[in-house]
Amino acid sequence: MMPRLNTFELAMLGRVLRETRRHREFSIRNAAAAAGLNKDTLWGWEAGRHRPGLRGFEALCQVYEVSTSEVIEEMLRRVQNRPL
């Protein structure tokens, strides 16, 4: 199960997912299809509007060739470095 995230953490997770997708040169449609997701679902995650489900998150990380822990650690790093 994905950890409970506050609004800022959810936004940072979305940003990390979007940047990872772009770095891997996937369109949102292609990334979603490769992970077995609907493109609107992935868009909601990237926009920080919805918390990913664990299976979909794991599938997406496999598509991006990154571990789930790498994505979560990057999100947490950004949250900790948040300017006050």
PDB file of N, CA and C in Angstrom:
ATOM      1  N   MET A   1       0.840  -1.181   0.000  1.00  0.00           N
ATOM      2  CA  MET A   1       0.000   0.000   0.000  1.00  0.00           C
ATOM      3  C   MET A   1       0.887   1.247   0.000  1.00  0.00           C
ATOM      4  N   MET A   2       0.469   2.229  -0.760  1.00  0.00           N
ATOM      5  CA  MET A   2       1.200   3.495  -0.806  1.00  0.00           C
ATOM      6  C   MET A   2       1.021   4.205   0.529  1.00  0.00           C
ATOM      7  N   PRO A   3       2.071   4.874   0.998  1.00  0.00           N
ATOM      8  CA  PRO A   3       1.924   5.615   2.255  1.00  0.00           C
ATOM      9  C   PRO A   3       0.944   6.770   2.092  1.00  0.00           C
ATOM     10  N   ARG A   4       0.369   7.190   3.195  1.00  0.00           N
ATOM     11  CA  ARG A   4      -0.490   8.366   3.172  1.00  0.00           C
ATOM     12  C   ARG A   4       0.375   9.578   2.907  1.00  0.00           C
ATOM     13  N   LEU A   5      -0.057  10.424   1.992  1.00  0.00           N
ATOM     14  CA  LEU A   5       0.721  11.594   1.614  1.00  0.00           C
ATOM     15  C   LEU A   5      -0.101  12.852   1.832  1.00  0.00           C
ATOM     16  N   ASN A   6       0.562  13.908   2.316  1.00  0.00           N
ATOM     17  CA  ASN A   6      -0.149  15.177   2.409  1.00  0.00           C
ATOM     18  C   ASN A   6      -0.164  15.816   1.025  1.00  0.00           C
ATOM     19  N   THR A   7      -0.826  16.943   0.896  1.00  0.00           N
ATOM     20  CA  THR A   7      -0.998  17.592  -0.406  1.00  0.00           C
ATOM     21  C   THR A   7       0.330  17.937  -1.059  1.00  0.00           C
ATOM     22  N   PHE A   8       1.269  18.470  -0.273  1.00  0.00           N
ATOM     23  CA  PHE A   8       2.568  18.843  -0.829  1.00  0.00           C
ATOM     24  C   PHE A   8       3.349  17.608  -1.283  1.00  0.00           C
ATOM     25  N   GLU A   9       3.331  16.553  -0.474  1.00  0.00           N
ATOM     26  CA  GLU A   9       4.025  15.313  -0.843  1.00  0.00           C
ATOM     27  C   GLU A   9       3.433  14.716  -2.110  1.00  0.00           C
ATOM     28  N   LEU A  10       2.127  14.758  -2.222  1.00  0.00           N
ATOM     29  CA  LEU A  10       1.458  14.231  -3.408  1.00  0.00           C
ATOM     30  C   LEU A  10       1.860  15.026  -4.652  1.00  0.00           C
ATOM     31  N   ALA A  11       1.956  16.344  -4.516  1.00  0.00           N
ATOM     32  CA  ALA A  11       2.393  17.193  -5.630  1.00  0.00           C
ATOM     33  C   ALA A  11       3.839  16.880  -6.013  1.00  0.00           C
ATOM     34  N   MET A  12       4.701  16.671  -5.021  1.00  0.00           N
ATOM     35  CA  MET A  12       6.103  16.348  -5.307  1.00  0.00           C
ATOM     36  C   MET A  12       6.226  14.982  -5.963  1.00  0.00           C
ATOM     37  N   LEU A  13       5.443  14.015  -5.512  1.00  0.00           N
ATOM     38  CA  LEU A  13       5.460  12.697  -6.151  1.00  0.00           C
ATOM     39  C   LEU A  13       5.043  12.834  -7.608  1.00  0.00           C
ATOM     40  N   GLY A  14       4.009  13.602  -7.862  1.00  0.00           N
ATOM     41  CA  GLY A  14       3.569  13.828  -9.235  1.00  0.00           C
ATOM     42  C   GLY A  14       4.652  14.453 -10.092  1.00  0.00           C
ATOM     43  N   ARG A  15       5.345  15.421  -9.528  1.00  0.00           N
ATOM     44  CA  ARG A  15       6.429  16.083 -10.270  1.00  0.00           C
ATOM     45  C   ARG A  15       7.551  15.098 -10.594  1.00  0.00           C
ATOM     46  N   VAL A  16       7.904  14.259  -9.628  1.00  0.00           N
ATOM     47  CA  VAL A  16       8.957  13.254  -9.863  1.00  0.00           C
ATOM     48  C   VAL A  16       8.518  12.276 -10.954  1.00  0.00           C
ATOM     49  N   LEU A  17       7.272  11.836 -10.897  1.00  0.00           N
ATOM     50  CA  LEU A  17       6.774  10.912 -11.931  1.00  0.00           C
ATOM     51  C   LEU A  17       6.791  11.569 -13.313  1.00  0.00           C
ATOM     52  N   ARG A  18       6.343  12.807 -13.392  1.00  0.00           N
ATOM     53  CA  ARG A  18       6.318  13.518 -14.677  1.00  0.00           C
ATOM     54  C   ARG A  18       7.732  13.705 -15.223  1.00  0.00           C
ATOM     55  N   GLU A  19       8.658  14.134 -14.367  1.00  0.00           N
ATOM     56  CA  GLU A  19      10.033  14.353 -14.811  1.00  0.00           C
ATOM     57  C   GLU A  19      10.693  13.041 -15.230  1.00  0.00           C
ATOM     58  N   THR A  20      10.404  11.969 -14.517  1.00  0.00           N
ATOM     59  CA  THR A  20      10.966  10.661 -14.882  1.00  0.00           C
ATOM     60  C   THR A  20      10.418  10.218 -16.231  1.00  0.00           C
ATOM     61  N   ARG A  21       9.125  10.404 -16.440  1.00  0.00           N
ATOM     62  CA  ARG A  21       8.527  10.042 -17.730  1.00  0.00           C
ATOM     63  C   ARG A  21       9.160  10.820 -18.869  1.00  0.00           C
ATOM     64  N   ARG A  22       9.296  12.109 -18.682  1.00  0.00           N
ATOM     65  CA  ARG A  22       9.886  12.953 -19.733  1.00  0.00           C
ATOM     66  C   ARG A  22      11.348  12.594 -19.972  1.00  0.00           C
ATOM     67  N   HIS A  23      12.071  12.307 -18.892  1.00  0.00           N
ATOM     68  CA  HIS A  23      13.482  11.911 -19.032  1.00  0.00           C
ATOM     69  C   HIS A  23      13.609  10.616 -19.834  1.00  0.00           C
ATOM     70  N   ARG A  24      12.653   9.728 -19.650  1.00  0.00           N
ATOM     71  CA  ARG A  24      12.640   8.455 -20.390  1.00  0.00           C
ATOM     72  C   ARG A  24      12.023   8.596 -21.780  1.00  0.00           C
ATOM     73  N   GLU A  25      11.581   9.820 -22.101  1.00  0.00           N
ATOM     74  CA  GLU A  25      11.035  10.164 -23.421  1.00  0.00           C
ATOM     75  C   GLU A  25       9.765   9.390 -23.771  1.00  0.00           C
ATOM     76  N   PHE A  26       8.883   9.260 -22.776  1.00  0.00           N
ATOM     77  CA  PHE A  26       7.569   8.665 -22.986  1.00  0.00           C
ATOM     78  C   PHE A  26       6.535   9.772 -23.065  1.00  0.00           C
ATOM     79  N   SER A  27       5.559   9.603 -23.941  1.00  0.00           N
ATOM     80  CA  SER A  27       4.378  10.457 -23.867  1.00  0.00           C
ATOM     81  C   SER A  27       3.537   9.915 -22.715  1.00  0.00           C
ATOM     82  N   ILE A  28       2.629  10.713 -22.232  1.00  0.00           N
ATOM     83  CA  ILE A  28       1.776  10.235 -21.137  1.00  0.00           C
ATOM     84  C   ILE A  28       0.927   9.057 -21.597  1.00  0.00           C
ATOM     85  N   ARG A  29       0.480   9.096 -22.837  1.00  0.00           N
ATOM     86  CA  ARG A  29      -0.331   8.007 -23.393  1.00  0.00           C
ATOM     87  C   ARG A  29       0.488   6.718 -23.487  1.00  0.00           C
ATOM     88  N   ASN A  30       1.712   6.800 -24.001  1.00  0.00           N
ATOM     89  CA  ASN A  30       2.549   5.604 -24.157  1.00  0.00           C
ATOM     90  C   ASN A  30       2.971   5.021 -22.813  1.00  0.00           C
ATOM     91  N   ALA A  31       3.316   5.883 -21.873  1.00  0.00           N
ATOM     92  CA  ALA A  31       3.712   5.401 -20.548  1.00  0.00           C
ATOM     93  C   ALA A  31       2.554   4.705 -19.861  1.00  0.00           C
ATOM     94  N   ALA A  32       1.379   5.319 -19.927  1.00  0.00           N
ATOM     95  CA  ALA A  32       0.201   4.719 -19.296  1.00  0.00           C
ATOM     96  C   ALA A  32      -0.112   3.367 -19.922  1.00  0.00           C
ATOM     97  N   ALA A  33      -0.097   3.297 -21.242  1.00  0.00           N
ATOM     98  CA  ALA A  33      -0.397   2.036 -21.924  1.00  0.00           C
ATOM     99  C   ALA A  33       0.609   0.953 -21.554  1.00  0.00           C
ATOM    100  N   ALA A  34       1.883   1.310 -21.502  1.00  0.00           N
ATOM    101  CA  ALA A  34       2.921   0.329 -21.173  1.00  0.00           C
ATOM    102  C   ALA A  34       2.770  -0.201 -19.752  1.00  0.00           C
ATOM    103  N   ALA A  35       2.234   0.623 -18.863  1.00  0.00           N
ATOM    104  CA  ALA A  35       2.049   0.212 -17.473  1.00  0.00           C
ATOM    105  C   ALA A  35       0.663  -0.382 -17.221  1.00  0.00           C
ATOM    106  N   GLY A  36      -0.165  -0.426 -18.261  1.00  0.00           N
ATOM    107  CA  GLY A  36      -1.506  -0.966 -18.105  1.00  0.00           C
ATOM    108  C   GLY A  36      -2.455  -0.012 -17.399  1.00  0.00           C
ATOM    109  N   LEU A  37      -2.199   1.291 -17.555  1.00  0.00           N
ATOM    110  CA  LEU A  37      -3.016   2.319 -16.913  1.00  0.00           C
ATOM    111  C   LEU A  37      -3.779   3.122 -17.951  1.00  0.00           C
ATOM    112  N   ASN A  38      -4.788   3.807 -17.505  1.00  0.00           N
ATOM    113  CA  ASN A  38      -5.497   4.777 -18.332  1.00  0.00           C
ATOM    114  C   ASN A  38      -4.685   6.069 -18.308  1.00  0.00           C
ATOM    115  N   LYS A  39      -4.607   6.779 -19.418  1.00  0.00           N
ATOM    116  CA  LYS A  39      -3.802   8.006 -19.450  1.00  0.00           C
ATOM    117  C   LYS A  39      -4.327   9.052 -18.476  1.00  0.00           C
ATOM    118  N   ASP A  40      -5.639   9.073 -18.245  1.00  0.00           N
ATOM    119  CA  ASP A  40      -6.213  10.017 -17.288  1.00  0.00           C
ATOM    120  C   ASP A  40      -5.781   9.689 -15.855  1.00  0.00           C
ATOM    121  N   THR A  41      -5.606   8.418 -15.574  1.00  0.00           N
ATOM    122  CA  THR A  41      -5.114   7.996 -14.260  1.00  0.00           C
ATOM    123  C   THR A  41      -3.699   8.517 -14.051  1.00  0.00           C
ATOM    124  N   LEU A  42      -2.840   8.301 -15.036  1.00  0.00           N
ATOM    125  CA  LEU A  42      -1.463   8.780 -14.927  1.00  0.00           C
ATOM    126  C   LEU A  42      -1.419  10.297 -14.850  1.00  0.00           C
ATOM    127  N   TRP A  43      -2.261  10.958 -15.627  1.00  0.00           N
ATOM    128  CA  TRP A  43      -2.316  12.413 -15.572  1.00  0.00           C
ATOM    129  C   TRP A  43      -2.681  12.876 -14.157  1.00  0.00           C
ATOM    130  N   GLY A  44      -3.633  12.218 -13.529  1.00  0.00           N
ATOM    131  CA  GLY A  44      -4.042  12.562 -12.163  1.00  0.00           C
ATOM    132  C   GLY A  44      -2.916  12.385 -11.168  1.00  0.00           C
ATOM    133  N   TRP A  45      -2.111  11.338 -11.350  1.00  0.00           N
ATOM    134  CA  TRP A  45      -0.964  11.136 -10.476  1.00  0.00           C
ATOM    135  C   TRP A  45       0.058  12.245 -10.670  1.00  0.00           C
ATOM    136  N   GLU A  46       0.377  12.519 -11.934  1.00  0.00           N
ATOM    137  CA  GLU A  46       1.385  13.541 -12.233  1.00  0.00           C
ATOM    138  C   GLU A  46       0.931  14.933 -11.786  1.00  0.00           C
ATOM    139  N   ALA A  47      -0.352  15.177 -11.822  1.00  0.00           N
ATOM    140  CA  ALA A  47      -0.893  16.477 -11.406  1.00  0.00           C
ATOM    141  C   ALA A  47      -1.010  16.583  -9.888  1.00  0.00           C
ATOM    142  N   GLY A  48      -0.751  15.494  -9.190  1.00  0.00           N
ATOM    143  CA  GLY A  48      -0.855  15.505  -7.736  1.00  0.00           C
ATOM    144  C   GLY A  48      -2.285  15.496  -7.241  1.00  0.00           C
ATOM    145  N   ARG A  49      -3.199  15.066  -8.089  1.00  0.00           N
ATOM    146  CA  ARG A  49      -4.622  15.044  -7.719  1.00  0.00           C
ATOM    147  C   ARG A  49      -5.051  13.723  -7.093  1.00  0.00           C
ATOM    148  N   HIS A  50      -4.322  12.656  -7.411  1.00  0.00           N
ATOM    149  CA  HIS A  50      -4.693  11.332  -6.917  1.00  0.00           C
ATOM    150  C   HIS A  50      -3.450  10.595  -6.437  1.00  0.00           C
ATOM    151  N   ARG A  51      -3.634   9.804  -5.411  1.00  0.00           N
ATOM    152  CA  ARG A  51      -2.546   8.968  -4.896  1.00  0.00           C
ATOM    153  C   ARG A  51      -2.500   7.681  -5.705  1.00  0.00           C
ATOM    154  N   PRO A  52      -1.334   7.308  -6.189  1.00  0.00           N
ATOM    155  CA  PRO A  52      -1.237   6.070  -6.980  1.00  0.00           C
ATOM    156  C   PRO A  52      -1.570   4.835  -6.148  1.00  0.00           C
ATOM    157  N   GLY A  53      -2.168   3.859  -6.793  1.00  0.00           N
ATOM    158  CA  GLY A  53      -2.312   2.553  -6.181  1.00  0.00           C
ATOM    159  C   GLY A  53      -0.975   1.831  -6.295  1.00  0.00           C
ATOM    160  N   LEU A  54      -0.728   0.927  -5.395  1.00  0.00           N
ATOM    161  CA  LEU A  54       0.583   0.268  -5.353  1.00  0.00           C
ATOM    162  C   LEU A  54       0.899  -0.510  -6.626  1.00  0.00           C
ATOM    163  N   ARG A  55      -0.036  -1.287  -7.128  1.00  0.00           N
ATOM    164  CA  ARG A  55       0.241  -2.094  -8.330  1.00  0.00           C
ATOM    165  C   ARG A  55       0.532  -1.223  -9.543  1.00  0.00           C
ATOM    166  N   GLY A  56      -0.264  -0.192  -9.731  1.00  0.00           N
ATOM    167  CA  GLY A  56      -0.039   0.713 -10.855  1.00  0.00           C
ATOM    168  C   GLY A  56       1.272   1.462 -10.715  1.00  0.00           C
ATOM    169  N   PHE A  57       1.583   1.887  -9.499  1.00  0.00           N
ATOM    170  CA  PHE A  57       2.844   2.588  -9.232  1.00  0.00           C
ATOM    171  C   PHE A  57       4.034   1.684  -9.528  1.00  0.00           C
ATOM    172  N   GLU A  58       3.955   0.447  -9.077  1.00  0.00           N
ATOM    173  CA  GLU A  58       5.032  -0.510  -9.342  1.00  0.00           C
ATOM    174  C   GLU A  58       5.176  -0.767 -10.842  1.00  0.00           C
ATOM    175  N   ALA A  59       4.059  -0.927 -11.541  1.00  0.00           N
ATOM    176  CA  ALA A  59       4.096  -1.170 -12.985  1.00  0.00           C
ATOM    177  C   ALA A  59       4.720   0.020 -13.709  1.00  0.00           C
ATOM    178  N   LEU A  60       4.359   1.222 -13.308  1.00  0.00           N
ATOM    179  CA  LEU A  60       4.914   2.424 -13.934  1.00  0.00           C
ATOM    180  C   LEU A  60       6.414   2.520 -13.695  1.00  0.00           C
ATOM    181  N   CYS A  61       6.851   2.226 -12.482  1.00  0.00           N
ATOM    182  CA  CYS A  61       8.288   2.266 -12.184  1.00  0.00           C
ATOM    183  C   CYS A  61       9.048   1.242 -13.019  1.00  0.00           C
ATOM    184  N   GLN A  62       8.448   0.090 -13.255  1.00  0.00           N
ATOM    185  CA  GLN A  62       9.083  -0.912 -14.118  1.00  0.00           C
ATOM    186  C   GLN A  62       9.237  -0.372 -15.534  1.00  0.00           C
ATOM    187  N   VAL A  63       8.208   0.290 -16.031  1.00  0.00           N
ATOM    188  CA  VAL A  63       8.266   0.877 -17.372  1.00  0.00           C
ATOM    189  C   VAL A  63       9.393   1.904 -17.445  1.00  0.00           C
ATOM    190  N   TYR A  64       9.523   2.709 -16.396  1.00  0.00           N
ATOM    191  CA  TYR A  64      10.550   3.763 -16.357  1.00  0.00           C
ATOM    192  C   TYR A  64      11.935   3.231 -15.992  1.00  0.00           C
ATOM    193  N   GLU A  65      11.988   1.944 -15.621  1.00  0.00           N
ATOM    194  CA  GLU A  65      13.245   1.305 -15.226  1.00  0.00           C
ATOM    195  C   GLU A  65      13.886   1.987 -14.024  1.00  0.00           C
ATOM    196  N   VAL A  66      13.042   2.286 -13.031  1.00  0.00           N
ATOM    197  CA  VAL A  66      13.505   2.809 -11.744  1.00  0.00           C
ATOM    198  C   VAL A  66      12.795   2.010 -10.660  1.00  0.00           C
ATOM    199  N   SER A  67      13.384   1.962  -9.497  1.00  0.00           N
ATOM    200  CA  SER A  67      12.725   1.259  -8.400  1.00  0.00           C
ATOM    201  C   SER A  67      11.719   2.186  -7.731  1.00  0.00           C
ATOM    202  N   THR A  68      10.735   1.581  -7.108  1.00  0.00           N
ATOM    203  CA  THR A  68       9.749   2.378  -6.384  1.00  0.00           C
ATOM    204  C   THR A  68      10.432   3.168  -5.270  1.00  0.00           C
ATOM    205  N   SER A  69      11.423   2.567  -4.637  1.00  0.00           N
ATOM    206  CA  SER A  69      12.114   3.274  -3.545  1.00  0.00           C
ATOM    207  C   SER A  69      12.879   4.487  -4.068  1.00  0.00           C
ATOM    208  N   GLU A  70      13.434   4.411  -5.268  1.00  0.00           N
ATOM    209  CA  GLU A  70      14.124   5.576  -5.842  1.00  0.00           C
ATOM    210  C   GLU A  70      13.161   6.743  -6.022  1.00  0.00           C
ATOM    211  N   VAL A  71      11.972   6.452  -6.510  1.00  0.00           N
ATOM    212  CA  VAL A  71      10.980   7.505  -6.740  1.00  0.00           C
ATOM    213  C   VAL A  71      10.535   8.105  -5.406  1.00  0.00           C
ATOM    214  N   ILE A  72      10.222   7.256  -4.438  1.00  0.00           N
ATOM    215  CA  ILE A  72       9.792   7.740  -3.123  1.00  0.00           C
ATOM    216  C   ILE A  72      10.908   8.529  -2.446  1.00  0.00           C
ATOM    217  N   GLU A  73      12.142   8.037  -2.521  1.00  0.00           N
ATOM    218  CA  GLU A  73      13.269   8.741  -1.910  1.00  0.00           C
ATOM    219  C   GLU A  73      13.479  10.115  -2.543  1.00  0.00           C
ATOM    220  N   GLU A  74      13.329  10.218  -3.859  1.00  0.00           N
ATOM    221  CA  GLU A  74      13.466  11.511  -4.530  1.00  0.00           C
ATOM    222  C   GLU A  74      12.358  12.454  -4.093  1.00  0.00           C
ATOM    223  N   MET A  75      11.138  11.939  -3.983  1.00  0.00           N
ATOM    224  CA  MET A  75      10.027  12.765  -3.516  1.00  0.00           C
ATOM    225  C   MET A  75      10.306  13.262  -2.100  1.00  0.00           C
ATOM    226  N   LEU A  76      10.759  12.387  -1.222  1.00  0.00           N
ATOM    227  CA  LEU A  76      11.046  12.782   0.157  1.00  0.00           C
ATOM    228  C   LEU A  76      12.196  13.782   0.231  1.00  0.00           C
ATOM    229  N   ARG A  77      13.200  13.614  -0.612  1.00  0.00           N
ATOM    230  CA  ARG A  77      14.311  14.558  -0.639  1.00  0.00           C
ATOM    231  C   ARG A  77      13.799  15.951  -0.991  1.00  0.00           C
ATOM    232  N   ARG A  78      12.935  16.026  -1.971  1.00  0.00           N
ATOM    233  CA  ARG A  78      12.390  17.323  -2.387  1.00  0.00           C
ATOM    234  C   ARG A  78      11.500  17.939  -1.309  1.00  0.00           C
ATOM    235  N   VAL A  79      10.744  17.091  -0.621  1.00  0.00           N
ATOM    236  CA  VAL A  79       9.888  17.588   0.446  1.00  0.00           C
ATOM    237  C   VAL A  79      10.748  18.157   1.577  1.00  0.00           C
ATOM    238  N   GLN A  80      11.832  17.471   1.914  1.00  0.00           N
ATOM    239  CA  GLN A  80      12.706  17.930   2.998  1.00  0.00           C
ATOM    240  C   GLN A  80      13.430  19.217   2.638  1.00  0.00           C
ATOM    241  N   ASN A  81      13.697  19.430   1.353  1.00  0.00           N
ATOM    242  CA  ASN A  81      14.397  20.626   0.908  1.00  0.00           C
ATOM    243  C   ASN A  81      13.446  21.766   0.548  1.00  0.00           C
ATOM    244  N   ARG A  82      12.203  21.615   0.923  1.00  0.00           N
ATOM    245  CA  ARG A  82      11.167  22.613   0.631  1.00  0.00           C
ATOM    246  C   ARG A  82      11.527  23.956   1.276  1.00  0.00           C
ATOM    247  N   PRO A  83      11.530  25.016   0.484  1.00  0.00           N
ATOM    248  CA  PRO A  83      11.798  26.324   1.085  1.00  0.00           C
ATOM    249  C   PRO A  83      10.639  26.742   1.976  1.00  0.00           C
ATOM    250  N   LEU A  84      10.965  27.374   3.069  1.00  0.00           N
ATOM    251  CA  LEU A  84       9.913  27.794   4.026  1.00  0.00           C
ATOM    252  C   LEU A  84       9.355  29.125   3.685  1.00  0.00           C
TER     253      LEU A  84
END
